[in-house]
Structure formats: C-alpha cells, structure tokens
C-alpha cells in the first residue's frame, strides 16, 4: 500500500518555537490512526502542519501527493481539495444553512456547475444521515448533527485523507459513539483518517493504530 502521509526527520514549529522534532511517520492508504497526547503536546500543531496552516520547514513532509516543504501558497487550495479537515468546534458558518455551508466550500474549491453542486451536497448528506436537514440553520441542529455536517463538509471533494482534531471533544458519550460509527464507515470506504483525541475510551472501543505525542516528538504507542 502507498503511504498517504509520510514524514521523515520532520520538525514542527509554531511562531518559530520548536514544538515537535525527529518525527518519522508513515500512514498508508485506508488506515485509521489515533494521535494521542496531553494538551499542549503538539497534536494540533502537527495536524495544522499537515494541512498547511503552519509551514513545514525541517525534514520531509508529504501528504496526498504534496511535498509540504516546497508547497507554494497558491497551491494550498488544491492541497485542501485532497484533504478533509474536521474540527472539535465544528467551524460552521452560523449565518448560513446546511446547504449554504456546503455550497460555499464547493464553490471555494472550484466547483461551478449548480446541478453538480446540488447533487454532491445530496450525496454527502445522505452519507452522514442528514438528508432532511439541508435547509436547517446550524443553531437548529444538535451538537452531533453539527459535527455530522462538518464531516459532510470534509467529504465534499472525496479526499484521500481526513485530519480530525478532537472531533468528539464537545460531544456527550452517546453522540460520540454515533460520530465514531460514522468515522469508521468512512474508513471502511477507503479514506485514510488521522484523528487526534484524548479520549482513551474510544481507543478501547474502536481499537486501531495509536501514535503518541510526548516529550517533543511522536512515537508508536501500545495504549
């Protein structure tokens, strides 16, 4: 299997402060990997580097066929068409309904055909079980439904990899279970997923490969 994420001797900086060093990591097509660690250990900084919110400087960083160390600013939108990003706090546009939130992303990533946009929105809402919520405003949705919209948004451009930063952090246990079932369904469809979490119960319930952030670097974990 080909590596969708490959980091060799990488370092992560934020505002010129070294966060992580000596990173060596390969994640293959279709893998689901947990990224664990205490708050402040560098989980979010690593994810931000992978979706080019923080520049990759040292070593080698490759994701979805892009060399992040040599990535030009004009190519970042194309990179993000290959990557789905899911945040803990949903980051929906609260003055727009579900359809408008999804349409905004599609148009921002180059979609122009209105019929094609409408069909793709139908497809992703069906996948996450929100077919009837197309015209709903975010404030009319539960936390789990808002996160499902965020996951639908991440799936719009059929990404080869999804980066999820504490996607269940603001959800109750029952809703967390629903979101994890949805994430596993996406994994089973062949999408690579790297998910940061501090919820060790998830790892017990949905066991998979675990990478740990600690002491300024990352390593395979047996937890």
Protein backbone atom coordinates (compact mmCIF):
# COMPACT_ATOMS: atom_id res chain seq x y z
CA UNK A 1 0.00 0.00 0.00
CA UNK A 2 1.15 3.52 -0.76
CA UNK A 3 1.81 5.97 2.07
CA UNK A 4 -0.74 8.80 2.07
CA UNK A 5 1.12 10.61 4.86
CA UNK A 6 4.91 10.40 5.09
CA UNK A 7 7.11 12.41 7.45
CA UNK A 8 10.86 11.86 7.68
CA UNK A 9 13.05 13.60 10.24
CA UNK A 10 10.41 16.30 10.47
CA UNK A 11 10.12 19.19 12.90
CA UNK A 12 7.05 21.28 13.69
CA UNK A 13 7.41 24.94 14.61
CA UNK A 14 4.82 27.47 15.69
CA UNK A 15 5.86 31.14 15.67
CA UNK A 16 9.49 29.94 15.40
CA UNK A 17 9.12 27.87 18.57
CA UNK A 18 10.03 24.20 18.18
CA UNK A 19 7.00 22.06 19.07
CA UNK A 20 7.96 18.60 17.78
CA UNK A 21 11.20 17.19 16.39
CA UNK A 22 12.58 13.96 14.93
CA UNK A 23 9.18 12.99 13.53
CA UNK A 24 9.14 9.83 11.45
CA UNK A 25 5.70 8.64 10.43
CA UNK A 26 4.05 6.72 7.61
CA UNK A 27 0.31 6.24 7.31
CA UNK A 28 -0.92 4.09 4.44
CA UNK A 29 -3.96 4.29 2.25
CA UNK A 30 -7.10 3.27 4.12
CA UNK A 31 -5.51 3.33 7.58
CA UNK A 32 -7.20 4.76 10.66
CA UNK A 33 -4.69 6.15 13.16
CA UNK A 34 -5.21 7.81 16.54
CA UNK A 35 -2.96 10.70 17.55
CA UNK A 36 -2.92 10.96 21.36
CA UNK A 37 -1.16 13.17 23.90
CA UNK A 38 -1.77 15.71 26.61
CA UNK A 39 -3.00 19.20 25.87
CA UNK A 40 -0.07 21.20 24.56
CA UNK A 41 1.86 18.14 23.42
CA UNK A 42 1.72 19.15 19.75
CA UNK A 43 -1.19 17.17 18.32
CA UNK A 44 -2.98 20.16 16.81
CA UNK A 45 0.29 21.70 15.61
CA UNK A 46 1.14 18.53 13.72
CA UNK A 47 -2.30 18.46 12.08
CA UNK A 48 -2.03 22.15 11.19
CA UNK A 49 1.32 21.47 9.54
CA UNK A 50 -0.24 18.64 7.53
CA UNK A 51 -2.99 20.89 6.16
CA UNK A 52 -0.53 23.76 5.60
CA UNK A 53 -1.85 26.14 8.22
CA UNK A 54 1.63 26.05 9.77
CA UNK A 55 4.55 25.96 7.27
CA UNK A 56 6.57 22.73 7.10
CA UNK A 57 10.25 23.61 7.40
CA UNK A 58 12.62 20.86 8.50
CA UNK A 59 12.79 17.33 7.16
CA UNK A 60 10.31 15.87 4.68
CA UNK A 61 6.52 16.20 4.90
CA UNK A 62 4.32 14.61 2.24
CA UNK A 63 0.55 14.23 2.26
CA UNK A 64 -1.84 13.22 -0.52
CA UNK A 65 0.96 13.59 -3.07
CA UNK A 66 2.04 17.07 -1.97
CA UNK A 67 5.52 18.00 -0.74
CA UNK A 68 4.67 20.41 2.06
CA UNK A 69 8.20 21.76 2.47
CA UNK A 70 8.13 23.07 -1.09
CA UNK A 71 4.44 23.93 -1.27
CA UNK A 72 3.66 27.30 -2.83
CA UNK A 73 0.92 29.40 -1.23
CA UNK A 74 -1.11 29.31 -4.47
CA UNK A 75 -1.21 25.50 -4.26
CA UNK A 76 -2.69 25.33 -0.75
CA UNK A 77 -6.33 25.36 -2.02
CA UNK A 78 -5.55 22.39 -4.28
CA UNK A 79 -3.94 20.54 -1.36
CA UNK A 80 -7.05 21.12 0.71
CA UNK A 81 -9.20 19.61 -2.00
CA UNK A 82 -7.33 16.37 -1.32
CA UNK A 83 -7.67 16.67 2.46
CA UNK A 84 -10.79 16.76 4.61
CA UNK A 85 -10.48 18.64 7.92
CA UNK A 86 -12.77 18.14 10.91
CA UNK A 87 -12.52 20.41 13.95
CA UNK A 88 -13.66 19.99 17.55
CA UNK A 89 -15.76 23.16 17.44
CA UNK A 90 -17.39 22.39 14.04
CA UNK A 91 -16.44 25.79 12.50
CA UNK A 92 -19.69 26.10 10.57
CA UNK A 93 -20.92 29.42 9.17
CA UNK A 94 -23.75 30.16 11.57
CA UNK A 95 -25.47 32.73 9.36
CA UNK A 96 -26.00 30.12 6.61
CA UNK A 97 -28.00 26.93 6.45
CA UNK A 98 -26.52 23.48 5.92
CA UNK A 99 -26.83 23.63 2.14
CA UNK A 100 -25.18 27.07 2.03
CA UNK A 101 -22.33 25.91 4.27
CA UNK A 102 -21.58 23.03 1.93
CA UNK A 103 -22.11 25.02 -1.26
CA UNK A 104 -19.69 27.69 -0.01
CA UNK A 105 -16.90 25.11 0.31
CA UNK A 106 -17.55 23.57 -3.08
CA UNK A 107 -17.51 26.95 -4.83
CA UNK A 108 -14.38 27.97 -2.93
CA UNK A 109 -12.63 24.85 -4.24
CA UNK A 110 -13.55 25.41 -7.86
CA UNK A 111 -16.99 23.89 -8.39
CA UNK A 112 -19.15 25.96 -10.75
CA UNK A 113 -21.98 23.74 -12.02
CA UNK A 114 -25.02 24.37 -9.78
CA UNK A 115 -26.58 20.99 -10.59
CA UNK A 116 -23.34 19.21 -9.78
CA UNK A 117 -23.04 21.15 -6.52
CA UNK A 118 -26.60 20.19 -5.55
CA UNK A 119 -26.02 16.51 -6.33
CA UNK A 120 -22.80 16.40 -4.33
CA UNK A 121 -24.49 18.02 -1.34
CA UNK A 122 -27.24 15.38 -1.52
CA UNK A 123 -24.61 12.61 -1.64
CA UNK A 124 -22.64 13.73 1.41
CA UNK A 125 -25.75 14.49 3.48
CA UNK A 126 -27.06 11.02 2.70
CA UNK A 127 -23.73 9.53 3.75
CA UNK A 128 -23.87 11.23 7.16
CA UNK A 129 -27.61 10.63 7.63
CA UNK A 130 -28.76 14.24 7.39
CA UNK A 131 -30.83 14.17 4.20
CA UNK A 132 -33.67 16.08 5.85
CA UNK A 133 -31.50 18.87 7.29
CA UNK A 134 -30.46 20.60 4.08
CA UNK A 135 -32.31 23.84 4.86
CA UNK A 136 -31.67 23.80 8.63
CA UNK A 137 -29.62 26.51 10.29
CA UNK A 138 -26.72 25.34 12.50
CA UNK A 139 -28.44 26.58 15.68
CA UNK A 140 -31.37 24.29 14.87
CA UNK A 141 -29.10 21.23 14.97
CA UNK A 142 -27.78 19.22 17.89
CA UNK A 143 -24.06 19.08 18.56
CA UNK A 144 -23.84 15.67 16.91
CA UNK A 145 -25.73 16.89 13.86
CA UNK A 146 -23.43 19.92 13.59
CA UNK A 147 -20.40 17.64 13.71
CA UNK A 148 -22.01 15.40 11.09
CA UNK A 149 -22.37 18.47 8.85
CA UNK A 150 -18.69 19.23 9.48
CA UNK A 151 -17.82 15.67 8.44
CA UNK A 152 -20.02 16.02 5.34
CA UNK A 153 -18.12 19.22 4.54
CA UNK A 154 -14.83 17.34 4.88
CA UNK A 155 -16.06 14.71 2.42
CA UNK A 156 -17.24 17.09 -0.31
CA UNK A 157 -14.19 16.75 -2.55
CA UNK A 158 -13.76 12.99 -1.97
CA UNK A 159 -10.48 13.47 -0.06
CA UNK A 160 -7.88 10.75 0.14
CA UNK A 161 -7.21 11.64 3.78
CA UNK A 162 -9.17 13.21 6.64
CA UNK A 163 -7.47 15.03 9.50
CA UNK A 164 -9.73 15.18 12.55
CA UNK A 165 -8.76 17.31 15.55
CA UNK A 166 -10.67 16.11 18.65
CA UNK A 167 -13.88 15.64 16.61
CA UNK A 168 -15.79 14.24 19.60
CA UNK A 169 -14.34 16.60 22.22
CA UNK A 170 -17.54 18.63 22.65
CA UNK A 171 -20.00 15.75 22.43
CA UNK A 172 -21.74 13.56 25.00
CA UNK A 173 -20.90 9.82 25.12
CA UNK A 174 -23.91 8.65 23.08
CA UNK A 175 -23.32 11.24 20.36
CA UNK A 176 -19.59 10.47 20.42
CA UNK A 177 -20.46 6.86 19.67
CA UNK A 178 -22.62 7.91 16.71
CA UNK A 179 -19.84 10.09 15.30
CA UNK A 180 -17.27 7.31 15.73
CA UNK A 181 -19.53 4.89 13.85
CA UNK A 182 -19.73 7.43 11.04
CA UNK A 183 -15.95 7.90 11.02
CA UNK A 184 -15.43 4.12 10.89
CA UNK A 185 -17.88 3.90 7.99
CA UNK A 186 -15.80 6.48 6.11
CA UNK A 187 -12.65 4.49 6.91
CA UNK A 188 -14.29 1.32 5.61
CA UNK A 189 -14.91 3.15 2.32
CA UNK A 190 -11.13 3.50 1.93
CA UNK A 191 -10.41 7.00 3.26
CA UNK A 192 -7.28 7.43 5.37
CA UNK A 193 -8.01 9.07 8.74
CA UNK A 194 -5.65 10.63 11.28
CA UNK A 195 -7.63 11.58 14.38
CA UNK A 196 -6.33 13.46 17.39
CA UNK A 197 -8.06 12.58 20.65
CA UNK A 198 -7.54 12.48 24.40
CA UNK A 199 -10.46 10.06 24.88
CA UNK A 200 -8.83 6.72 25.67
CA UNK A 201 -12.23 5.04 25.90
CA UNK A 202 -12.56 5.48 22.14
CA UNK A 203 -9.32 3.60 21.61
CA UNK A 204 -10.61 0.72 23.73
CA UNK A 205 -13.97 0.63 21.95
CA UNK A 206 -12.62 1.20 18.43
CA UNK A 207 -9.07 -0.21 18.58
CA UNK A 208 -6.63 0.85 15.91
CA UNK A 209 -3.06 2.03 15.49
CA UNK A 210 -2.01 4.69 18.04
CA UNK A 211 0.64 7.40 17.68
CA UNK A 212 1.61 9.30 20.82
CA UNK A 213 2.79 12.92 21.13
CA UNK A 214 5.06 13.29 24.16
CA UNK A 215 8.40 14.80 25.14
CA UNK A 216 8.59 16.90 21.99
CA UNK A 217 8.28 14.09 19.48
CA UNK A 218 5.94 11.30 18.36
CA UNK A 219 6.20 7.56 18.69
CA UNK A 220 4.12 4.41 18.29
CA UNK A 221 2.08 3.75 21.40
CA UNK A 222 0.81 0.50 22.90
CA UNK A 223 -2.12 2.23 24.64
